[in-house]
């Protein structure tokens, strides 16, 4: 979990008044790209709602965000309700995974495959014996 304050005000000044929130979103995404060095992240709705809350002409100059995750990155507004809910759900999922891992066993699957191969081999042997018997009958 990493908290970062992103300044979007300098990208908004001097731009078309009716498109300032759009430029603020672009600036936010550009800064996230610089910070995370990847485009594989998801912005939470709370960030979007914060920027667009005052309308498209009056966007905020600074946005404080929190970045969560290792592989799948999520960007939340700092100290938001959505962030707290996400963290609580993540802890519950981790606890569930710890409980379910010992229950999984791959060994019986391997044993079943070995048993099937033995059955197949015996069937093949019987089939070959039958073919030999049929060929001997055809010769006589």
Protein backbone atom coordinates (compact mmCIF):
# COMPACT_ATOMS: atom_id res chain seq x y z
CA UNK A 1 0.00 0.00 0.00
CA UNK A 2 1.50 3.26 -1.17
CA UNK A 3 0.07 6.79 -0.76
CA UNK A 4 0.94 9.51 -3.25
CA UNK A 5 -0.21 13.11 -3.75
CA UNK A 6 -0.61 13.93 -7.42
CA UNK A 7 -0.72 17.55 -8.53
CA UNK A 8 -3.05 17.99 -11.49
CA UNK A 9 -3.58 21.77 -11.20
CA UNK A 10 -0.67 22.78 -13.44
CA UNK A 11 -2.15 20.74 -16.31
CA UNK A 12 -5.54 22.40 -15.88
CA UNK A 13 -4.48 26.04 -15.87
CA UNK A 14 -4.74 27.77 -19.22
CA UNK A 15 -6.91 24.99 -20.69
CA UNK A 16 -10.44 25.25 -21.97
CA UNK A 17 -12.66 25.95 -18.99
CA UNK A 18 -15.27 23.38 -20.01
CA UNK A 19 -12.72 20.59 -20.32
CA UNK A 20 -10.67 21.03 -17.15
CA UNK A 21 -11.87 17.85 -15.45
CA UNK A 22 -10.98 15.87 -18.58
CA UNK A 23 -7.46 17.31 -18.55
CA UNK A 24 -7.19 16.55 -14.84
CA UNK A 25 -8.06 12.89 -15.48
CA UNK A 26 -5.46 12.72 -18.24
CA UNK A 27 -2.84 14.26 -15.95
CA UNK A 28 -3.72 11.79 -13.20
CA UNK A 29 -3.37 8.83 -15.56
CA UNK A 30 -0.07 10.20 -16.91
CA UNK A 31 1.33 10.54 -13.38
CA UNK A 32 0.16 7.04 -12.49
CA UNK A 33 1.95 5.74 -15.57
CA UNK A 34 5.18 7.45 -14.46
CA UNK A 35 4.86 6.21 -10.90
CA UNK A 36 3.72 2.62 -11.55
CA UNK A 37 5.55 2.12 -14.88
CA UNK A 38 2.65 0.09 -16.20
CA UNK A 39 -0.75 0.66 -17.74
CA UNK A 40 -2.20 -2.38 -16.01
CA UNK A 41 -4.04 -0.70 -13.13
CA UNK A 42 -7.62 0.19 -12.26
CA UNK A 43 -8.83 3.57 -11.03
CA UNK A 44 -11.56 3.29 -8.45
CA UNK A 45 -14.81 5.21 -8.90
CA UNK A 46 -14.03 7.28 -5.81
CA UNK A 47 -11.10 8.93 -7.65
CA UNK A 48 -13.28 9.64 -10.67
CA UNK A 49 -16.09 11.04 -8.50
CA UNK A 50 -13.65 13.25 -6.59
CA UNK A 51 -12.33 14.88 -9.76
CA UNK A 52 -15.76 15.35 -11.34
CA UNK A 53 -17.57 16.34 -8.09
CA UNK A 54 -17.34 20.10 -8.70
CA UNK A 55 -18.23 19.81 -12.36
CA UNK A 56 -16.14 19.83 -15.48
CA UNK A 57 -14.95 23.44 -15.08
CA UNK A 58 -13.71 23.41 -11.45
CA UNK A 59 -11.49 20.37 -10.91
CA UNK A 60 -9.25 19.94 -7.84
CA UNK A 61 -5.58 20.86 -8.03
CA UNK A 62 -4.28 17.95 -5.93
CA UNK A 63 -5.47 14.37 -5.58
CA UNK A 64 -4.20 12.10 -2.81
CA UNK A 65 -4.40 8.46 -3.89
CA UNK A 66 -3.48 5.11 -2.38
CA UNK A 67 -2.11 2.31 -4.55
CA UNK A 68 -2.92 -1.24 -3.45
CA UNK A 69 -1.80 -4.59 -4.82
CA UNK A 70 1.19 -6.39 -6.24
CA UNK A 71 0.09 -7.91 -9.54
CA UNK A 72 -3.31 -6.30 -10.10
CA UNK A 73 -2.94 -2.69 -9.02
CA UNK A 74 -5.90 -0.66 -7.77
CA UNK A 75 -5.84 3.11 -7.23
CA UNK A 76 -8.15 4.47 -4.52
CA UNK A 77 -8.75 7.91 -3.07
CA UNK A 78 -6.74 8.12 0.15
CA UNK A 79 -8.76 7.40 3.33
CA UNK A 80 -11.91 6.53 1.37
CA UNK A 81 -14.60 4.10 2.39
CA UNK A 82 -13.99 2.00 -0.73
CA UNK A 83 -10.34 1.53 0.24
CA UNK A 84 -11.26 0.28 3.71
CA UNK A 85 -13.86 -2.11 2.26
CA UNK A 86 -11.36 -3.41 -0.29
CA UNK A 87 -8.72 -4.05 2.36
CA UNK A 88 -11.21 -5.87 4.61
CA UNK A 89 -12.33 -8.11 1.74
CA UNK A 90 -8.71 -8.82 0.83
CA UNK A 91 -7.93 -9.99 4.37
CA UNK A 92 -10.98 -12.25 4.36
CA UNK A 93 -9.93 -13.79 1.04
CA UNK A 94 -6.41 -14.45 2.33
CA UNK A 95 -7.80 -16.23 5.40
CA UNK A 96 -10.05 -18.39 3.23
CA UNK A 97 -7.18 -19.32 0.92
CA UNK A 98 -5.02 -20.38 3.85
CA UNK A 99 -7.77 -22.71 5.04
CA UNK A 100 -8.44 -24.28 1.64
CA UNK A 101 -4.85 -25.00 0.59
CA UNK A 102 -4.29 -28.04 2.86
CA UNK A 103 -7.57 -29.58 1.64
CA UNK A 104 -6.38 -29.76 -1.96
CA UNK A 105 -4.51 -32.94 -2.78
CA UNK A 106 -3.11 -33.74 -6.19
CA UNK A 107 -1.86 -37.21 -5.29
CA UNK A 108 -5.14 -39.11 -5.82
CA UNK A 109 -5.37 -37.72 -9.35
CA UNK A 110 -1.94 -39.13 -10.18
CA UNK A 111 -2.90 -42.51 -8.72
CA UNK A 112 -6.03 -42.60 -10.85
CA UNK A 113 -3.99 -41.94 -13.97
CA UNK A 114 -1.62 -44.80 -13.09
CA UNK A 115 -4.53 -47.17 -12.53
CA UNK A 116 -6.04 -46.19 -15.86
CA UNK A 117 -2.79 -46.85 -17.65
CA UNK A 118 -2.57 -50.32 -16.09
CA UNK A 119 -6.12 -51.09 -17.23
CA UNK A 120 -5.35 -49.85 -20.71
CA UNK A 121 -2.25 -52.03 -20.88
CA UNK A 122 -4.17 -55.15 -19.88
CA UNK A 123 -6.88 -54.39 -22.43
CA UNK A 124 -4.24 -53.92 -25.13
CA UNK A 125 -2.60 -57.24 -24.24
CA UNK A 126 -5.94 -59.04 -24.41
CA UNK A 127 -6.70 -57.36 -27.75
CA UNK A 128 -3.34 -58.44 -29.20
CA UNK A 129 -3.96 -62.04 -28.06
CA UNK A 130 -7.37 -62.01 -29.73
CA UNK A 131 -5.85 -60.65 -32.95
CA UNK A 132 -3.25 -63.44 -32.95
CA UNK A 133 -6.00 -66.01 -32.46
CA UNK A 134 -8.03 -64.57 -35.34
CA UNK A 135 -4.99 -64.49 -37.66
CA UNK A 136 -4.17 -68.16 -36.83
CA UNK A 137 -7.76 -69.18 -37.61
CA UNK A 138 -7.62 -67.34 -40.96
CA UNK A 139 -4.39 -69.11 -41.93
CA UNK A 140 -5.80 -72.60 -41.22
